[in-house]
């Protein structure tokens, strides 16, 4: 017959057992933290600190907008312990090649823009076949689900354009010139189409070479000289808005300028009254959320929007009346 241990011995054994359990959890990891029974690591990415993510955009060289996207992505990567690589090319075929390179590098996740969705179908399919999750951002709100992306972060460009059209009616504009700086970009075309849908006045599209800022200014100025009825110039990027301000001056036009997107120089132009308003889609937030979403998916199985709805980052209007609220963030390079 076994004699039960005295009470103080039983308590000591309980404490020892608890200590052994704690050591197992903290040092060995045990099966609770992802190691299988044979001792192999079951974490699909080798732990959050070992993740590799590629952000591949269609951003053109020298476009400050993409600096904001990249800073947001880098902030999320730093928080999550991610090894982030950023690559961009405004040429659709070259951007597709960058995505294929990321697949070849065996990254753990890819964030991509879909300015020209058809060019990205093959590379995205290759990533999915390799088991690499892909999320979308900025461009392609109507294409991300058909392309098979996991999530999407950006603004609805059609809705944003319609909001601008309504805004132009509020300021009693009659004839708007919508300046497209990249032909064939679905997001830019959707913006101008949205303006045309709700604006009661006339809307004309003007296509310019967005890689040559001097040419952009000259082309807008030439059009303003040709048609004095144009009383509003709508650009689709902050730097092009600033070019439009110069063009209005060169042409001696009385047209007002409104733009999509924001940067610190554009903030000052709004403060000075040179630009009526800007539509902020929060590019920093787009980059941040896209990278953070991949980390959350690989480490906790989270899918924003349930994989069926986009996560909207805009539009929000920045005017002279509220620009001070974002000015200090723009000065630090995050808005």
Protein backbone atom coordinates (compact mmCIF):
# COMPACT_ATOMS: atom_id res chain seq x y z
CA UNK A 1 0.00 0.00 0.00
CA UNK A 2 1.41 3.40 -1.03
CA UNK A 3 1.48 6.10 1.57
CA UNK A 4 0.42 9.58 0.24
CA UNK A 5 3.15 12.21 0.52
CA UNK A 6 2.75 14.72 3.29
CA UNK A 7 0.92 17.95 2.32
CA UNK A 8 4.07 20.06 2.13
CA UNK A 9 5.71 17.50 -0.20
CA UNK A 10 2.65 17.48 -2.48
CA UNK A 11 2.71 21.25 -2.74
CA UNK A 12 6.43 21.20 -3.55
CA UNK A 13 5.86 18.65 -6.33
CA UNK A 14 3.09 20.81 -7.79
CA UNK A 15 5.41 23.82 -7.87
CA UNK A 16 8.17 21.81 -9.55
CA UNK A 17 5.75 20.56 -12.19
CA UNK A 18 4.61 24.11 -12.91
CA UNK A 19 8.22 25.29 -13.18
CA UNK A 20 9.09 22.50 -15.63
CA UNK A 21 6.05 23.40 -17.71
CA UNK A 22 7.03 27.07 -17.80
CA UNK A 23 10.60 26.23 -18.82
CA UNK A 24 9.23 24.06 -21.60
CA UNK A 25 7.11 26.90 -22.93
CA UNK A 26 9.76 29.61 -22.69
CA UNK A 27 12.85 27.70 -23.82
CA UNK A 28 11.88 24.64 -25.82
CA UNK A 29 8.72 26.06 -27.30
CA UNK A 30 6.93 22.67 -26.92
CA UNK A 31 4.10 21.80 -29.29
CA UNK A 32 2.05 24.79 -28.10
CA UNK A 33 4.32 27.26 -29.90
CA UNK A 34 4.32 25.41 -33.19
CA UNK A 35 6.90 22.61 -32.98
CA UNK A 36 5.57 19.25 -34.12
CA UNK A 37 6.00 16.04 -32.16
CA UNK A 38 9.14 15.14 -34.08
CA UNK A 39 10.70 18.47 -33.14
CA UNK A 40 10.33 20.17 -36.54
CA UNK A 41 9.21 23.80 -36.81
CA UNK A 42 5.60 24.08 -38.03
CA UNK A 43 5.56 27.87 -38.40
CA UNK A 44 4.99 28.47 -42.17
CA UNK A 45 7.41 31.41 -42.30
CA UNK A 46 9.92 30.45 -39.65
CA UNK A 47 8.54 32.96 -37.14
CA UNK A 48 7.44 36.55 -37.75
CA UNK A 49 11.01 37.83 -37.72
CA UNK A 50 11.88 35.61 -40.67
CA UNK A 51 9.26 36.86 -43.11
CA UNK A 52 10.27 38.22 -46.50
CA UNK A 53 7.81 40.50 -48.29
CA UNK A 54 8.09 42.17 -51.69
CA UNK A 55 6.23 45.38 -52.52
CA UNK A 56 6.02 45.85 -56.29
CA UNK A 57 4.37 48.98 -57.68
CA UNK A 58 3.91 50.78 -60.99
CA UNK A 59 5.41 53.98 -59.59
CA UNK A 60 7.47 56.04 -61.98
CA UNK A 61 10.95 57.26 -61.17
CA UNK A 62 10.96 60.44 -59.11
CA UNK A 63 7.24 60.35 -58.24
CA UNK A 64 7.02 61.51 -54.61
CA UNK A 65 3.67 59.75 -54.17
CA UNK A 66 5.40 56.39 -54.09
CA UNK A 67 7.87 57.60 -51.50
CA UNK A 68 4.87 57.89 -49.15
CA UNK A 69 3.67 54.38 -50.01
CA UNK A 70 7.14 53.01 -49.40
CA UNK A 71 7.54 54.81 -46.06
CA UNK A 72 4.29 53.33 -44.83
CA UNK A 73 5.35 49.86 -45.92
CA UNK A 74 8.74 50.26 -44.23
CA UNK A 75 7.07 51.37 -41.00
CA UNK A 76 4.93 48.24 -40.95
CA UNK A 77 7.91 46.05 -41.84
CA UNK A 78 9.94 47.53 -38.97
CA UNK A 79 7.10 46.91 -36.54
CA UNK A 80 6.57 43.32 -37.68
CA UNK A 81 10.21 42.33 -38.10
CA UNK A 82 9.80 41.82 -41.86
CA UNK A 83 12.58 41.81 -44.44
CA UNK A 84 10.98 44.13 -47.02
CA UNK A 85 12.10 44.73 -50.59
CA UNK A 86 10.60 47.48 -52.73
CA UNK A 87 10.70 47.59 -56.52
CA UNK A 88 8.75 49.59 -59.07
CA UNK A 89 8.46 50.19 -62.79
CA UNK A 90 5.87 52.21 -64.68
CA UNK A 91 6.13 49.81 -67.62
CA UNK A 92 3.56 47.04 -67.16
CA UNK A 93 5.75 44.26 -68.60
CA UNK A 94 8.67 45.32 -66.43
CA UNK A 95 6.48 45.41 -63.32
CA UNK A 96 5.25 41.91 -64.14
CA UNK A 97 8.87 40.76 -64.38
CA UNK A 98 9.55 42.21 -60.93
CA UNK A 99 6.69 40.14 -59.50
CA UNK A 100 8.09 37.01 -61.15
CA UNK A 101 11.47 37.83 -59.61
CA UNK A 102 9.85 38.01 -56.18
CA UNK A 103 8.29 34.59 -56.70
CA UNK A 104 11.70 33.26 -57.70
CA UNK A 105 13.17 34.72 -54.51
CA UNK A 106 10.64 32.63 -52.54
CA UNK A 107 9.26 35.53 -50.56
CA UNK A 108 6.55 34.90 -47.99
CA UNK A 109 4.16 37.52 -49.37
CA UNK A 110 3.75 40.02 -52.20
CA UNK A 111 1.94 43.37 -52.26
CA UNK A 112 1.26 44.63 -55.77
CA UNK A 113 -0.52 47.44 -57.62
CA UNK A 114 -2.81 46.68 -60.54
CA UNK A 115 -2.63 49.78 -62.70
CA UNK A 116 -2.73 47.53 -65.78
CA UNK A 117 -4.36 44.33 -64.48
CA UNK A 118 -4.00 42.18 -67.61
CA UNK A 119 -0.20 42.31 -67.39
CA UNK A 120 -0.23 41.05 -63.82
CA UNK A 121 -2.48 37.98 -64.21
CA UNK A 122 0.33 35.58 -65.12
CA UNK A 123 2.77 36.62 -62.37
CA UNK A 124 0.01 36.59 -59.74
CA UNK A 125 -1.06 33.10 -60.84
CA UNK A 126 2.56 31.98 -60.54
CA UNK A 127 2.76 33.38 -57.00
CA UNK A 128 -0.45 31.61 -55.98
CA UNK A 129 0.81 28.33 -57.45
CA UNK A 130 3.92 28.73 -55.29
CA UNK A 131 1.78 29.22 -52.19
CA UNK A 132 2.65 32.91 -51.83
CA UNK A 133 -0.21 35.15 -50.65
CA UNK A 134 -0.68 38.32 -52.71
CA UNK A 135 -2.51 41.50 -51.67
CA UNK A 136 -3.33 44.54 -53.77
CA UNK A 137 -3.06 48.24 -53.08
CA UNK A 138 -3.63 51.62 -54.71
CA UNK A 139 -4.77 50.56 -58.20
CA UNK A 140 -7.15 47.86 -59.35
CA UNK A 141 -10.13 48.01 -57.03
CA UNK A 142 -12.28 46.41 -59.75
CA UNK A 143 -9.63 43.84 -60.67
CA UNK A 144 -8.22 42.46 -57.41
CA UNK A 145 -10.87 39.81 -56.82
CA UNK A 146 -10.89 38.46 -60.41
CA UNK A 147 -7.09 38.35 -60.18
CA UNK A 148 -7.35 36.17 -57.08
CA UNK A 149 -5.75 38.55 -54.60
CA UNK A 150 -6.28 37.99 -50.91
CA UNK A 151 -7.07 41.60 -49.91
CA UNK A 152 -7.07 45.13 -51.28
CA UNK A 153 -6.21 48.52 -49.77
CA UNK A 154 -6.97 51.81 -51.51
CA UNK A 155 -9.73 54.15 -52.53
CA UNK A 156 -12.57 53.53 -54.96
CA UNK A 157 -11.38 55.73 -57.81
CA UNK A 158 -14.80 56.02 -59.41
CA UNK A 159 -16.38 57.11 -56.14
CA UNK A 160 -13.54 59.58 -55.57
CA UNK A 161 -14.00 61.04 -59.05
CA UNK A 162 -17.73 61.42 -58.51
CA UNK A 163 -17.04 63.23 -55.23
CA UNK A 164 -14.80 65.66 -57.12
CA UNK A 165 -17.55 66.22 -59.67
CA UNK A 166 -19.94 67.12 -56.87
CA UNK A 167 -17.31 69.43 -55.39
CA UNK A 168 -16.89 71.24 -58.72
CA UNK A 169 -20.63 71.86 -58.80
CA UNK A 170 -20.40 73.34 -55.30
CA UNK A 171 -17.76 75.85 -56.44
CA UNK A 172 -19.83 76.63 -59.58
CA UNK A 173 -17.27 75.44 -62.12
CA UNK A 174 -18.52 75.11 -65.70
CA UNK A 175 -15.75 73.51 -67.77
CA UNK A 176 -13.20 71.09 -66.30
CA UNK A 177 -9.99 69.78 -67.86
CA UNK A 178 -9.03 66.39 -66.39
CA UNK A 179 -5.29 65.81 -66.89
CA UNK A 180 -4.27 62.13 -67.27
CA UNK A 181 -0.54 61.63 -66.76
CA UNK A 182 -0.37 57.93 -67.65
CA UNK A 183 -2.37 56.59 -70.57
CA UNK A 184 -4.05 53.23 -69.94
CA UNK A 185 -3.86 53.40 -66.14
CA UNK A 186 -7.27 52.10 -65.03
CA UNK A 187 -7.27 54.08 -61.78
CA UNK A 188 -6.63 57.40 -63.52
CA UNK A 189 -9.22 56.76 -66.19
CA UNK A 190 -11.77 55.88 -63.48
CA UNK A 191 -11.13 59.19 -61.71
CA UNK A 192 -11.87 61.28 -64.79
CA UNK A 193 -14.88 59.12 -65.65
CA UNK A 194 -16.19 59.67 -62.14
CA UNK A 195 -15.81 63.44 -62.47
CA UNK A 196 -17.69 63.38 -65.75
CA UNK A 197 -20.49 61.28 -64.23
CA UNK A 198 -21.52 63.78 -61.54
CA UNK A 199 -20.23 67.15 -62.76
CA UNK A 200 -22.99 69.22 -64.35
CA UNK A 201 -20.53 71.13 -66.53
CA UNK A 202 -18.33 69.94 -69.41
CA UNK A 203 -15.35 67.63 -68.80
CA UNK A 204 -12.49 67.13 -71.25
CA UNK A 205 -9.58 64.72 -70.80
CA UNK A 206 -6.06 65.90 -71.58
CA UNK A 207 -3.32 63.24 -71.89
CA UNK A 208 0.21 64.31 -70.99
CA UNK A 209 3.60 62.67 -70.58
CA UNK A 210 3.81 62.31 -66.81
CA UNK A 211 7.53 61.54 -66.92
CA UNK A 212 8.37 65.04 -68.20
CA UNK A 213 7.14 67.73 -65.82
CA UNK A 214 8.14 70.61 -68.10
CA UNK A 215 6.12 69.05 -70.91
CA UNK A 216 3.16 68.60 -68.55
CA UNK A 217 3.19 72.31 -67.71
CA UNK A 218 3.57 73.35 -71.34
CA UNK A 219 0.79 71.06 -72.57
CA UNK A 220 -1.70 72.28 -69.96
CA UNK A 221 -0.78 75.92 -70.62
CA UNK A 222 -1.25 75.42 -74.37
CA UNK A 223 -4.69 73.94 -73.88
CA UNK A 224 -5.73 76.79 -71.58
CA UNK A 225 -4.65 79.33 -74.18
CA UNK A 226 -6.69 77.51 -76.83
CA UNK A 227 -9.87 77.34 -74.75
CA UNK A 228 -10.59 80.23 -72.40
CA UNK A 229 -13.84 78.59 -71.24
CA UNK A 230 -11.89 76.11 -69.11
CA UNK A 231 -12.33 77.34 -65.56
CA UNK A 232 -11.08 74.27 -63.65
CA UNK A 233 -8.02 72.07 -64.09
CA UNK A 234 -8.22 68.72 -62.30
CA UNK A 235 -4.96 66.78 -62.03
CA UNK A 236 -4.55 63.22 -60.80
CA UNK A 237 -1.39 63.58 -58.73
CA UNK A 238 0.06 66.19 -56.40
CA UNK A 239 3.09 67.08 -58.49
CA UNK A 240 0.88 67.51 -61.55
CA UNK A 241 -1.32 69.84 -59.54
CA UNK A 242 1.70 72.03 -58.91
CA UNK A 243 2.51 71.93 -62.64
CA UNK A 244 -1.06 73.03 -63.36
CA UNK A 245 -0.60 76.05 -61.08
CA UNK A 246 2.42 77.07 -63.17
CA UNK A 247 0.50 76.42 -66.38
CA UNK A 248 -2.38 78.65 -65.30
CA UNK A 249 0.09 81.46 -64.62
CA UNK A 250 1.90 80.96 -67.93
CA UNK A 251 -1.34 80.96 -69.89
CA UNK A 252 -2.75 83.98 -68.09
CA UNK A 253 -5.82 81.87 -67.34
CA UNK A 254 -8.35 82.41 -64.59
CA UNK A 255 -8.88 78.66 -64.15
CA UNK A 256 -8.76 77.17 -60.68
CA UNK A 257 -6.75 74.04 -59.87
CA UNK A 258 -7.88 70.96 -57.95
CA UNK A 259 -6.00 67.70 -57.62
CA UNK A 260 -5.96 64.17 -56.36
CA UNK A 261 -3.26 63.28 -53.82
CA UNK A 262 -1.17 65.23 -51.41
CA UNK A 263 2.41 66.06 -50.46
CA UNK A 264 4.07 68.78 -48.40
CA UNK A 265 4.43 71.16 -51.36
CA UNK A 266 0.82 70.66 -52.32
CA UNK A 267 -0.22 71.35 -48.73
CA UNK A 268 1.45 74.75 -48.97
CA UNK A 269 -0.31 75.41 -52.28
CA UNK A 270 -3.65 74.72 -50.60
CA UNK A 271 -2.70 76.96 -47.68
CA UNK A 272 -1.76 79.75 -50.11
CA UNK A 273 -4.98 79.35 -52.10
CA UNK A 274 -3.21 78.29 -55.30
CA UNK A 275 -5.00 74.93 -55.22
CA UNK A 276 -8.69 74.79 -54.30
CA UNK A 277 -8.64 71.31 -52.78
CA UNK A 278 -6.86 67.97 -52.82
CA UNK A 279 -8.30 64.47 -52.58
CA UNK A 280 -6.24 62.47 -50.09
CA UNK A 281 -6.19 58.69 -50.55
CA UNK A 282 -3.52 58.30 -47.84
CA UNK A 283 -0.72 56.47 -49.70
CA UNK A 284 1.31 55.99 -46.51
CA UNK A 285 -1.62 54.08 -45.06
CA UNK A 286 -1.94 51.96 -48.19
CA UNK A 287 1.67 50.78 -47.96
CA UNK A 288 1.43 50.22 -44.22
CA UNK A 289 -1.78 48.19 -44.34
CA UNK A 290 -0.67 46.04 -47.28
CA UNK A 291 2.52 44.88 -45.57
CA UNK A 292 0.93 44.52 -42.15
CA UNK A 293 -1.91 42.48 -43.68
CA UNK A 294 0.54 39.91 -45.05
CA UNK A 295 2.14 39.58 -41.62
CA UNK A 296 -1.24 39.14 -39.95
CA UNK A 297 -2.28 36.54 -42.52
CA UNK A 298 0.90 34.47 -42.20
CA UNK A 299 1.06 34.65 -38.41
CA UNK A 300 -2.61 34.69 -37.40
CA UNK A 301 -4.73 33.82 -40.44
CA UNK A 302 -6.41 37.25 -40.57
CA UNK A 303 -7.99 38.50 -43.81
CA UNK A 304 -9.17 42.12 -43.86
CA UNK A 305 -12.54 42.62 -45.51
CA UNK A 306 -13.12 38.90 -45.39
CA UNK A 307 -11.45 38.61 -48.77
CA UNK A 308 -14.55 40.03 -50.46
CA UNK A 309 -14.55 43.75 -49.64
CA UNK A 310 -11.76 46.30 -50.12
CA UNK A 311 -10.36 48.31 -47.22
CA UNK A 312 -10.90 51.94 -48.25
CA UNK A 313 -8.25 54.56 -47.44
CA UNK A 314 -10.03 57.49 -49.11
CA UNK A 315 -11.27 59.79 -50.43
CA UNK A 316 -10.95 62.70 -48.02
CA UNK A 317 -10.96 66.34 -49.10
CA UNK A 318 -8.19 68.64 -47.93
CA UNK A 319 -9.17 72.29 -48.28
CA UNK A 320 -7.89 75.60 -46.98
CA UNK A 321 -10.27 75.27 -44.03
CA UNK A 322 -8.86 71.96 -42.76
CA UNK A 323 -5.36 71.73 -44.26
CA UNK A 324 -3.68 72.68 -40.97
CA UNK A 325 -4.81 69.35 -39.50
CA UNK A 326 -2.58 67.40 -41.90
CA UNK A 327 0.18 69.95 -42.54
CA UNK A 328 2.54 68.74 -39.81
CA UNK A 329 2.22 65.12 -40.99
CA UNK A 330 2.90 66.16 -44.58
CA UNK A 331 5.98 68.04 -43.40
CA UNK A 332 7.35 64.84 -41.87
CA UNK A 333 6.73 62.91 -45.08
CA UNK A 334 3.84 60.70 -44.02
CA UNK A 335 0.88 62.48 -45.69
